Amino acid sequence: MTIRQHLKYLPVYLFFITLMLLTINFPFFWDTIQLASKQADFFYRSDFNSIILPNDLDSGHIPALGMYLAVIWKVTGRSLVISHLAMFPFVMGIIYQSIFLVRKIFNKEWHYYALILILADATLLAQCTLVSPDILVVFFFLYAINNLLLKKRIWYAVALAGLVLSSMRGMMCVAGLFIAEIVILFTSEKDLLCEAGRKNVSTGVFHAFQRYILSIMIAGAFFAWHYHITGWIGYHNTMPWYPLFESVDFKDAVYNTLIMGWRLIDFGRIFIWAAGAFCLWHYYINRPLLPVIFKSLFIILICITFTLSYALIFHKNLSGHRYLLPVYILFTIIIVFYLYELFNSNKLKKMFFYILILGLLTGNIWVYPDNIAKGWDSTLAYLPYFPLRDKMMKYMKSEGIKLSETGTDFPNEGKLDNIDLSGNNDSFADLDLKTNHYVFYSNVYNGISDQELFELKNRWTVVKEFRFLMVKIILYVAPGVKSH
């Protein structure tokens, strides 16, 4: 696309730039504390002596984001601003790849409508404000889809390599894309992804596999070296997160499936699913001819959902909203494609746009009661948290309340330096209502049990409370402890 063509989409770029600038001083949040800050700090301070992380940091992924951040820090300095700016090319890349995709598969009149609906997902918006490996996953996934549709074999292989480097979920996306290619080869829609004239399926499989060799080599080399150094691949029973990876029985697998279903409709996405139900009804009544590209994208969606859902369903607690970002994006593309390419009424198309965009944006104000865990890193509802946290930290300092006497929960645990890159190695105490004098509580924290929450609300005393929009931070003092 030319620069002139891009000017049409300048408001979209400016929106995301503004969103990033508003959060450019925000500390690391949720899993990014471990996957970005701590891992980058290890490489930064060890001068890249090893690509294998120590056990307390090693979650089995290729730590490419940590190494990337550490390189940036070495060149420009270690700060929150620099860390957020390091994500800027990938966020802009997501917009560019989304524009490229909608221009390829949608009629010109509906480019803008489709683009806005694809990018309006609450989880995607929230992740774009964080230093997150899932931004890399989304960028390389969209880049892979575009190059697959364009039959650009070399750049497709590069995109797959980027997915492998981004995280385990990126590797699962690579597996899903390979399965999708094979499924498409064995269907009548071979001409979309394969060179014209290729009719031999076995030859098609061989040519498809060639595009995956680079990503297989990268993953294989890392896992071989990782196993040589540590003796394990993926996860093991002495890692800090092992309870999350424990296998589940049939009953828990069913429960996890229901949780996954909740994730799929959460934060406004239920409106997309409602539109999908309408499309299904429309197809049943009218039986429009489905374009080849629609069928192929649908096959890719099914295969990606299959590979990504395995970890969520068959492990104890791997059900984060962000884990399914490629599924959300693909599903939205498919539903929006049906609405704008297979419906005849322009009035109806515009009505659907306003309903869907309002529904998706409401996802950023979906907040559940305190005793229901919520994916705060997957909605912009979290934005007031850090300003409120700063106010409470200043209040504690002014009152002489020590962090060592104050219990808290994830993601406020650990050294402050790992959260805000301040150089301050002080940390809150672990949450223990039997020993803590104070508790630093926020509804952003999911790890506090119902019993602990009941005790705080009914037996402890509120010392100070700050609220804004959907977020609250409360400082409690224990029964019998005299507040400063």
Protein backbone atom coordinates (compact mmCIF):
# COMPACT_ATOMS: atom_id res chain seq x y z
CA MET A 1 0.00 0.00 0.00
CA THR A 2 1.13 3.54 -0.74
CA ILE A 3 1.47 6.26 1.90
CA ARG A 4 -1.56 7.99 0.39
CA GLN A 5 -3.64 4.85 0.81
CA HIS A 6 -2.50 4.61 4.43
CA LEU A 7 -3.66 8.15 5.20
CA LYS A 8 -7.22 6.86 5.06
CA TYR A 9 -6.46 4.75 8.12
CA LEU A 10 -4.58 7.45 10.03
CA PRO A 11 -7.33 7.79 12.70
CA VAL A 12 -6.93 4.09 13.54
CA TYR A 13 -3.15 4.44 13.90
CA LEU A 14 -3.59 7.62 15.98
CA PHE A 15 -6.06 5.89 18.32
CA PHE A 16 -3.59 3.11 19.12
CA ILE A 17 -0.68 5.56 19.39
CA THR A 18 -2.73 7.63 21.86
CA LEU A 19 -3.62 4.50 23.84
CA MET A 20 0.06 3.55 24.05
CA LEU A 21 1.13 7.07 25.03
CA LEU A 22 -1.46 7.17 27.84
CA THR A 23 0.01 3.97 29.31
CA ILE A 24 3.67 4.45 28.39
CA ASN A 25 4.72 4.88 32.04
CA PHE A 26 2.62 2.00 33.33
CA PRO A 27 4.56 -0.69 35.23
CA PHE A 28 4.62 -4.31 34.16
CA PHE A 29 1.33 -6.03 34.88
CA TRP A 30 0.03 -9.53 35.37
CA ASP A 31 2.10 -12.22 33.59
CA THR A 32 4.26 -9.62 31.85
CA ILE A 33 6.16 -9.19 35.14
CA GLN A 34 7.60 -12.67 34.67
CA LEU A 35 7.48 -13.08 30.88
CA ALA A 36 8.94 -9.65 30.10
CA SER A 37 10.44 -7.78 33.07
CA LYS A 38 12.08 -10.58 35.05
CA GLN A 39 13.33 -12.48 32.02
CA ALA A 40 14.71 -9.34 30.39
CA ASP A 41 16.38 -8.38 33.67
CA PHE A 42 18.12 -11.77 33.81
CA PHE A 43 19.61 -11.35 30.33
CA TYR A 44 20.40 -7.68 30.96
CA ARG A 45 22.36 -8.34 34.15
CA SER A 46 24.00 -11.58 33.00
CA ASP A 47 25.13 -10.10 29.66
CA PHE A 48 23.42 -12.94 27.81
CA ASN A 49 25.72 -15.60 29.27
CA SER A 50 22.97 -18.19 28.70
CA ILE A 51 19.73 -18.41 26.76
CA ILE A 52 18.41 -20.81 29.41
CA LEU A 53 16.62 -19.07 32.27
CA PRO A 54 16.98 -20.05 35.93
CA ASN A 55 14.26 -22.39 37.20
CA ASP A 56 12.28 -19.66 38.99
CA LEU A 57 11.90 -17.79 35.68
CA ASP A 58 11.79 -20.61 33.16
CA SER A 59 8.26 -21.28 31.93
CA GLY A 60 9.38 -23.41 28.99
CA HIS A 61 9.00 -20.78 26.26
CA ILE A 62 11.76 -19.54 24.02
CA PRO A 63 12.51 -16.31 25.95
CA ALA A 64 12.73 -14.16 22.81
CA LEU A 65 10.78 -11.23 24.26
CA GLY A 66 13.05 -11.09 27.30
CA MET A 67 16.16 -11.14 25.11
CA TYR A 68 14.69 -8.52 22.80
CA LEU A 69 13.91 -6.19 25.71
CA ALA A 70 17.34 -6.74 27.24
CA VAL A 71 19.04 -5.77 23.97
CA ILE A 72 16.91 -2.61 23.82
CA TRP A 73 17.80 -1.80 27.44
CA LYS A 74 21.51 -2.26 26.75
CA VAL A 75 21.33 0.25 23.92
CA THR A 76 18.92 2.86 25.30
CA GLY A 77 18.68 2.29 29.06
CA ARG A 78 16.35 0.34 31.31
CA SER A 79 13.02 2.11 31.79
CA LEU A 80 9.28 1.65 31.48
CA VAL A 81 9.02 4.11 28.60
CA ILE A 82 11.66 2.25 26.60
CA SER A 83 9.97 -1.07 27.35
CA HIS A 84 6.62 0.15 26.03
CA LEU A 85 8.24 1.75 22.99
CA ALA A 86 9.85 -1.60 22.21
CA MET A 87 6.32 -2.92 21.58
CA PHE A 88 5.40 -0.03 19.29
CA PRO A 89 6.56 -1.66 16.00
CA PHE A 90 4.51 -4.78 16.75
CA VAL A 91 1.35 -2.86 17.67
CA MET A 92 1.66 -0.78 14.50
CA GLY A 93 2.36 -4.02 12.64
CA ILE A 94 -0.91 -5.52 13.90
CA ILE A 95 -2.80 -2.54 12.49
CA TYR A 96 -0.91 -2.73 9.18
CA GLN A 97 -1.50 -6.47 8.80
CA SER A 98 -5.18 -6.04 9.69
CA ILE A 99 -5.54 -3.32 7.06
CA PHE A 100 -3.78 -5.50 4.50
CA LEU A 101 -6.09 -8.42 5.28
CA VAL A 102 -9.37 -6.49 5.07
CA ARG A 103 -8.27 -4.85 1.82
CA LYS A 104 -7.65 -8.29 0.36
CA ILE A 105 -10.86 -10.03 1.36
CA PHE A 106 -13.48 -7.26 1.72
CA ASN A 107 -15.04 -4.99 -0.86
CA LYS A 108 -13.71 -1.43 -0.72
CA GLU A 109 -16.89 0.01 0.78
CA TRP A 110 -16.54 -2.12 3.92
CA HIS A 111 -12.79 -1.93 4.60
CA TYR A 112 -13.10 0.55 7.44
CA TYR A 113 -16.08 -1.16 9.05
CA ALA A 114 -14.34 -4.53 9.08
CA LEU A 115 -11.03 -3.10 10.32
CA ILE A 116 -12.58 -1.33 13.30
CA LEU A 117 -14.55 -4.39 14.37
CA ILE A 118 -11.46 -6.62 14.17
CA LEU A 119 -9.36 -4.22 16.26
CA ALA A 120 -12.07 -3.35 18.82
CA ASP A 121 -11.68 -6.57 20.83
CA ALA A 122 -11.21 -5.63 24.52
CA THR A 123 -8.48 -8.21 25.07
CA LEU A 124 -6.50 -7.04 22.06
CA LEU A 125 -6.83 -3.40 23.15
CA ALA A 126 -5.65 -4.21 26.67
CA GLN A 127 -2.69 -6.26 25.47
CA CYS A 128 -1.63 -3.36 23.23
CA THR A 129 -1.05 -1.30 26.39
CA LEU A 130 1.23 -3.95 27.93
CA VAL A 131 4.72 -5.28 27.26
CA SER A 132 3.25 -8.61 26.29
CA PRO A 133 4.42 -11.64 24.28
CA ASP A 134 0.86 -12.00 23.00
CA ILE A 135 1.33 -8.85 20.93
CA LEU A 136 4.09 -10.71 19.12
CA VAL A 137 1.79 -13.72 18.69
CA VAL A 138 -0.99 -11.62 17.16
CA PHE A 139 1.38 -9.74 14.83
CA PHE A 140 3.10 -12.83 13.48
CA PHE A 141 -0.21 -14.69 13.25
CA LEU A 142 -1.78 -11.99 11.07
CA TYR A 143 1.45 -11.76 9.08
CA ALA A 144 1.33 -15.52 8.53
CA ILE A 145 -2.33 -15.45 7.41
CA ASN A 146 -1.63 -12.69 4.90
CA ASN A 147 1.40 -14.43 3.42
CA LEU A 148 -0.41 -17.75 3.32
CA LEU A 149 -3.24 -16.22 1.32
CA LEU A 150 -0.77 -14.45 -0.98
CA LYS A 151 1.23 -17.69 -1.42
CA LYS A 152 4.44 -15.91 -0.38
CA ARG A 153 6.28 -18.99 0.83
CA ILE A 154 9.45 -17.34 2.13
CA TRP A 155 7.70 -14.62 4.12
CA TYR A 156 5.21 -17.16 5.40
CA ALA A 157 8.11 -19.22 6.73
CA VAL A 158 9.50 -16.07 8.40
CA ALA A 159 6.11 -15.40 10.04
CA LEU A 160 5.99 -18.98 11.34
CA ALA A 161 9.48 -18.55 12.79
CA GLY A 162 8.27 -15.40 14.56
CA LEU A 163 5.36 -17.34 16.04
CA VAL A 164 7.69 -20.05 17.33
CA LEU A 165 9.92 -17.43 18.96
CA SER A 166 7.02 -15.56 20.55
CA SER A 167 5.74 -18.27 22.93
CA MET A 168 4.40 -21.79 23.28
CA ARG A 169 1.05 -20.47 22.07
CA GLY A 170 2.80 -19.22 18.97
CA MET A 171 4.06 -22.77 18.42
CA MET A 172 0.51 -24.07 18.84
CA CYS A 173 -0.61 -21.60 16.17
CA VAL A 174 2.07 -22.96 13.85
CA ALA A 175 0.76 -26.48 14.46
CA GLY A 176 -2.80 -25.29 13.81
CA LEU A 177 -1.80 -23.60 10.55
CA PHE A 178 -0.05 -26.75 9.34
CA ILE A 179 -3.08 -28.91 10.15
CA ALA A 180 -5.29 -26.35 8.37
CA GLU A 181 -3.13 -26.48 5.25
CA ILE A 182 -3.36 -30.26 5.17
CA VAL A 183 -7.14 -30.19 5.66
CA ILE A 184 -7.50 -27.64 2.85
CA LEU A 185 -5.31 -29.77 0.59
CA PHE A 186 -7.66 -32.70 1.12
CA THR A 187 -10.72 -30.61 0.28
CA SER A 188 -11.86 -29.12 -3.00
CA GLU A 189 -10.45 -25.71 -2.11
CA LYS A 190 -6.86 -26.47 -3.06
CA ASP A 191 -6.43 -23.50 -5.37
CA LEU A 192 -6.49 -20.88 -2.58
CA LEU A 193 -3.32 -21.92 -0.77
CA CYS A 194 -1.49 -23.92 -3.43
CA GLU A 195 0.16 -23.05 -6.68
CA ALA A 196 -2.10 -23.27 -9.71
CA GLY A 197 -2.22 -26.65 -11.35
CA ARG A 198 -1.10 -28.71 -8.37
CA LYS A 199 -3.39 -31.72 -8.14
CA ASN A 200 -1.19 -34.24 -6.33
CA VAL A 201 -2.04 -34.10 -2.63
CA SER A 202 1.16 -35.82 -1.52
CA THR A 203 3.18 -33.26 -3.44
CA GLY A 204 1.09 -30.51 -1.88
CA VAL A 205 1.82 -31.84 1.61
CA PHE A 206 5.53 -31.95 0.83
CA HIS A 207 5.54 -28.36 -0.42
CA ALA A 208 3.49 -27.23 2.58
CA PHE A 209 5.90 -28.93 4.98
CA GLN A 210 8.85 -27.07 3.44
CA ARG A 211 7.46 -23.79 4.72
CA TYR A 212 7.59 -25.13 8.29
CA ILE A 213 11.18 -26.35 8.25
CA LEU A 214 12.66 -23.09 9.58
CA SER A 215 10.25 -22.91 12.54
CA ILE A 216 10.76 -26.61 13.30
CA MET A 217 14.53 -26.12 13.28
CA ILE A 218 14.32 -23.13 15.66
CA ALA A 219 12.01 -24.92 18.10
CA GLY A 220 13.98 -28.16 17.85
CA ALA A 221 17.33 -26.49 18.47
CA PHE A 222 16.04 -24.60 21.50
CA PHE A 223 14.29 -27.58 23.07
CA ALA A 224 17.29 -29.85 22.47
CA TRP A 225 19.62 -27.37 24.17
CA HIS A 226 17.08 -26.71 26.92
CA TYR A 227 16.78 -30.43 27.61
CA HIS A 228 20.57 -30.79 27.61
CA ILE A 229 20.91 -28.08 30.27
CA THR A 230 17.80 -28.66 32.39
CA GLY A 231 16.63 -32.19 31.65
CA TRP A 232 13.06 -31.16 30.81
CA ILE A 233 10.93 -29.64 28.04
CA GLY A 234 7.74 -27.65 28.44
CA TYR A 235 7.23 -27.99 32.18
CA HIS A 236 8.29 -30.11 35.16
CA ASN A 237 7.22 -30.64 38.76
CA THR A 238 9.74 -28.31 40.43
CA MET A 239 8.91 -25.18 38.44
CA PRO A 240 6.91 -22.49 40.31
CA TRP A 241 3.97 -22.78 37.89
CA TYR A 242 3.71 -26.57 37.90
CA PRO A 243 0.25 -26.56 39.59
CA LEU A 244 -1.07 -24.70 36.54
CA PHE A 245 0.16 -27.47 34.23
CA GLU A 246 -1.20 -30.45 36.14
CA SER A 247 -3.38 -32.73 34.04
CA VAL A 248 -7.08 -32.92 34.86
CA ASP A 249 -9.65 -35.70 34.90
CA PHE A 250 -12.76 -35.85 32.72
CA LYS A 251 -14.91 -33.83 35.13
CA ASP A 252 -12.36 -31.00 35.29
CA ALA A 253 -11.90 -31.14 31.51
CA VAL A 254 -15.63 -30.51 31.11
CA TYR A 255 -15.38 -27.65 33.61
CA ASN A 256 -12.43 -26.17 31.70
CA THR A 257 -14.39 -26.45 28.47
CA LEU A 258 -17.16 -24.38 30.04
CA ILE A 259 -14.58 -21.84 31.23
CA MET A 260 -13.20 -21.65 27.70
CA GLY A 261 -16.72 -21.04 26.42
CA TRP A 262 -17.01 -18.18 28.92
CA ARG A 263 -13.73 -16.72 27.68
CA LEU A 264 -14.98 -16.82 24.10
CA ILE A 265 -18.08 -14.71 24.88
CA ASP A 266 -16.57 -12.57 27.64
CA PHE A 267 -15.82 -8.84 27.45
CA GLY A 268 -18.37 -8.02 24.76
CA ARG A 269 -17.62 -10.90 22.43
CA ILE A 270 -21.08 -12.32 23.07
CA PHE A 271 -22.30 -9.75 20.54
CA ILE A 272 -20.06 -11.32 17.87
CA TRP A 273 -21.44 -14.74 18.78
CA ALA A 274 -24.99 -13.42 18.56
CA ALA A 275 -24.19 -12.08 15.10
CA GLY A 276 -22.72 -15.49 14.29
CA ALA A 277 -25.98 -17.15 15.31
CA PHE A 278 -27.84 -14.75 13.02
CA CYS A 279 -25.46 -15.60 10.16
CA LEU A 280 -26.04 -19.31 10.76
CA TRP A 281 -29.80 -18.76 10.61
CA HIS A 282 -29.39 -16.69 7.43
CA TYR A 283 -27.30 -19.42 5.83
CA TYR A 284 -29.84 -22.09 6.76
CA ILE A 285 -32.68 -20.07 5.18
CA ASN A 286 -30.89 -18.67 2.10
CA ARG A 287 -27.95 -21.02 1.42
CA PRO A 288 -25.72 -18.38 -0.22
CA LEU A 289 -22.66 -19.59 -2.11
CA LEU A 290 -19.72 -19.44 0.31
CA PRO A 291 -16.53 -18.05 -1.26
CA VAL A 292 -13.38 -20.17 -1.21
CA ILE A 293 -11.62 -17.73 1.10
CA PHE A 294 -14.45 -17.94 3.64
CA LYS A 295 -14.24 -21.73 3.73
CA SER A 296 -10.45 -21.67 4.06
CA LEU A 297 -10.49 -19.11 6.89
CA PHE A 298 -13.15 -21.20 8.63
CA ILE A 299 -10.93 -24.30 8.40
CA ILE A 300 -8.01 -22.30 9.82
CA LEU A 301 -10.24 -21.11 12.68
CA ILE A 302 -11.28 -24.66 13.57
CA CYS A 303 -7.69 -25.92 13.50
CA ILE A 304 -6.29 -23.00 15.52
CA THR A 305 -9.07 -23.39 18.09
CA PHE A 306 -8.27 -27.09 18.34
CA THR A 307 -4.54 -26.59 18.97
CA LEU A 308 -4.95 -23.65 21.37
CA SER A 309 -7.77 -25.23 23.34
CA TYR A 310 -5.81 -28.38 24.20
CA ALA A 311 -3.75 -26.67 26.90
CA LEU A 312 -6.79 -24.83 28.28
CA ILE A 313 -9.00 -27.88 28.54
CA PHE A 314 -6.58 -30.58 29.71
CA HIS A 315 -4.49 -28.61 32.22
CA LYS A 316 -5.51 -27.30 35.59
CA ASN A 317 -5.33 -23.54 35.20
CA LEU A 318 -4.25 -22.32 31.77
CA SER A 319 -7.44 -20.46 30.92
CA GLY A 320 -6.34 -16.83 30.47
CA HIS A 321 -8.36 -14.73 28.05
CA ARG A 322 -5.27 -13.68 26.10
CA TYR A 323 -4.45 -17.30 25.28
CA LEU A 324 -7.26 -17.28 22.71
CA LEU A 325 -6.52 -13.99 20.95
CA PRO A 326 -5.95 -15.59 17.51
CA VAL A 327 -9.32 -17.35 17.87
CA TYR A 328 -11.13 -14.11 18.75
CA ILE A 329 -9.60 -12.30 15.78
CA LEU A 330 -10.27 -15.05 13.24
CA PHE A 331 -13.82 -15.59 14.44
CA THR A 332 -14.55 -11.86 14.17
CA ILE A 333 -13.08 -11.76 10.65
CA ILE A 334 -15.27 -14.67 9.55
CA ILE A 335 -18.50 -13.28 11.03
CA VAL A 336 -17.84 -9.79 9.71
CA PHE A 337 -16.99 -11.26 6.28
CA TYR A 338 -20.32 -13.08 6.20
CA LEU A 339 -22.21 -9.95 7.23
CA TYR A 340 -20.57 -7.61 4.74
CA GLU A 341 -19.96 -9.88 1.78
CA LEU A 342 -22.99 -12.19 1.79
CA PHE A 343 -25.80 -9.87 2.92
CA ASN A 344 -27.50 -7.62 0.35
CA SER A 345 -28.91 -4.90 2.61
CA ASN A 346 -26.47 -2.02 3.21
CA LYS A 347 -28.81 -0.65 5.86
CA LEU A 348 -28.62 -3.95 7.75
CA LYS A 349 -24.83 -4.04 7.40
CA LYS A 350 -24.47 -0.58 8.95
CA MET A 351 -26.92 -1.45 11.72
CA PHE A 352 -24.84 -4.52 12.57
CA PHE A 353 -21.70 -2.39 12.67
CA TYR A 354 -23.08 -0.01 15.29
CA ILE A 355 -24.51 -2.82 17.39
CA LEU A 356 -21.27 -4.82 17.28
CA ILE A 357 -18.90 -1.93 17.91
CA LEU A 358 -20.92 -0.73 20.90
CA GLY A 359 -21.16 -4.28 22.21
CA LEU A 360 -17.43 -4.89 21.85
CA LEU A 361 -16.54 -1.60 23.54
CA THR A 362 -18.78 -2.43 26.50
CA GLY A 363 -16.39 -5.32 27.10
CA ASN A 364 -14.07 -2.80 28.72
CA ILE A 365 -16.56 -2.15 31.51
CA TRP A 366 -17.52 -5.75 32.27
CA VAL A 367 -16.64 -6.26 35.94
CA TYR A 368 -17.79 -9.17 38.07
CA PRO A 369 -18.26 -9.38 41.86
CA ASP A 370 -15.05 -9.48 43.92
CA ASN A 371 -15.19 -13.24 44.50
CA ILE A 372 -15.25 -14.04 40.74
CA ALA A 373 -11.84 -14.11 39.05
CA LYS A 374 -11.53 -11.75 36.12
CA GLY A 375 -8.93 -11.36 33.37
CA TRP A 376 -7.83 -7.86 34.25
CA ASP A 377 -4.98 -7.94 31.73
CA SER A 378 -7.57 -8.55 29.01
CA THR A 379 -9.75 -5.46 29.27
CA LEU A 380 -9.07 -1.74 29.50
CA ALA A 381 -11.01 -1.76 32.78
CA TYR A 382 -7.63 -2.22 34.50
CA LEU A 383 -6.36 1.25 33.46
CA PRO A 384 -7.15 3.09 36.75
CA TYR A 385 -5.21 0.48 38.75
CA PHE A 386 -1.72 1.96 38.49
CA PRO A 387 -2.68 5.59 39.29
CA LEU A 388 -4.61 4.30 42.32
CA ARG A 389 -1.71 2.06 43.31
CA ASP A 390 0.64 5.04 43.21
CA LYS A 391 -1.71 7.05 45.45
CA MET A 392 -1.90 4.24 47.98
CA MET A 393 1.87 3.71 47.97
CA LYS A 394 2.38 7.44 48.65
CA TYR A 395 -0.18 7.30 51.45
CA MET A 396 1.59 4.35 53.06
CA LYS A 397 4.92 6.14 52.84
CA SER A 398 3.49 9.31 54.40
CA GLU A 399 2.02 7.27 57.26
CA GLY A 400 5.16 5.22 57.82
CA ILE A 401 3.48 1.91 56.99
CA LYS A 402 6.13 -0.62 56.01
CA LEU A 403 5.81 -2.87 52.99
CA SER A 404 7.28 -5.72 55.04
CA GLU A 405 4.26 -5.54 57.37
CA THR A 406 1.78 -5.40 54.50
CA GLY A 407 0.52 -8.47 52.69
CA THR A 408 -0.61 -8.39 49.09
CA ASP A 409 -1.36 -10.69 46.20
CA PHE A 410 -0.43 -11.22 42.54
CA PRO A 411 0.42 -9.15 40.55
CA ASN A 412 1.66 -6.86 43.33
CA GLU A 413 4.06 -9.41 44.81
CA GLY A 414 7.84 -9.51 44.52
CA LYS A 415 10.46 -6.79 44.24
CA LEU A 416 9.11 -3.41 43.25
CA ASP A 417 11.94 -3.16 40.73
CA ASN A 418 10.50 -6.06 38.76
CA ILE A 419 7.20 -4.20 38.49
CA ASP A 420 8.26 -0.60 37.91
CA LEU A 421 12.02 -0.78 37.06
CA SER A 422 12.62 1.75 39.84
CA GLY A 423 15.71 0.07 41.27
CA ASN A 424 13.83 -0.41 44.55
CA ASN A 425 14.31 -3.99 45.76
CA ASP A 426 11.79 -3.68 48.61
CA SER A 427 8.70 -5.88 48.39
CA PHE A 428 5.38 -6.43 50.07
CA ALA A 429 4.95 -9.40 52.39
CA ASP A 430 3.19 -12.49 51.11
CA LEU A 431 -0.50 -12.50 51.91
CA ASP A 432 -1.04 -14.22 55.27
CA LEU A 433 -3.87 -12.90 57.41
CA LYS A 434 -2.36 -14.58 60.48
CA THR A 435 0.88 -12.58 60.32
CA ASN A 436 0.19 -9.46 58.21
CA HIS A 437 -0.42 -6.22 60.07
CA TYR A 438 -1.84 -4.62 56.94
CA VAL A 439 -3.21 -5.90 53.63
CA PHE A 440 -2.92 -4.01 50.36
CA TYR A 441 -6.02 -5.22 48.50
CA SER A 442 -7.44 -4.52 45.06
CA ASN A 443 -10.29 -6.15 43.19
CA VAL A 444 -7.70 -6.54 40.41
CA TYR A 445 -6.17 -9.39 42.45
CA ASN A 446 -7.66 -12.80 41.71
CA GLY A 447 -5.63 -14.95 44.12
CA ILE A 448 -7.37 -13.93 47.35
CA SER A 449 -9.70 -16.73 48.45
CA ASP A 450 -13.36 -16.20 49.27
CA GLN A 451 -12.63 -16.94 52.94
CA GLU A 452 -9.79 -14.38 53.05
CA LEU A 453 -11.99 -11.82 51.31
CA PHE A 454 -14.79 -12.44 53.80
CA GLU A 455 -12.40 -12.01 56.72
CA LEU A 456 -10.98 -8.77 55.32
CA LYS A 457 -14.40 -7.27 54.75
CA ASN A 458 -15.90 -8.34 58.07
CA ARG A 459 -13.08 -8.49 60.63
CA TRP A 460 -10.39 -6.14 59.40
CA THR A 461 -10.64 -2.34 59.39
CA VAL A 462 -10.35 -0.11 56.34
CA VAL A 463 -7.51 2.37 56.80
CA LYS A 464 -7.66 4.01 53.40
CA GLU A 465 -9.56 3.40 50.18
CA PHE A 466 -9.20 4.76 46.66
CA ARG A 467 -11.66 4.07 43.84
CA PHE A 468 -12.01 5.09 40.23
CA LEU A 469 -14.44 3.62 37.72
CA MET A 470 -14.35 -0.19 38.16
CA VAL A 471 -11.11 -0.43 40.17
CA LYS A 472 -10.64 -0.09 43.90
CA ILE A 473 -7.63 -0.33 46.19
CA ILE A 474 -8.14 -0.74 49.92
CA LEU A 475 -5.61 -0.76 52.74
CA TYR A 476 -6.82 -2.92 55.64
CA VAL A 477 -5.38 -3.14 59.16
CA ALA A 478 -5.59 -6.35 61.19
CA PRO A 479 -7.84 -6.67 64.25
CA GLY A 480 -6.00 -5.48 67.35
CA VAL A 481 -3.26 -3.66 65.40
CA LYS A 482 -3.15 0.07 65.99
CA SER A 483 -3.01 1.95 62.70
CA HIS A 484 -0.33 4.59 62.20
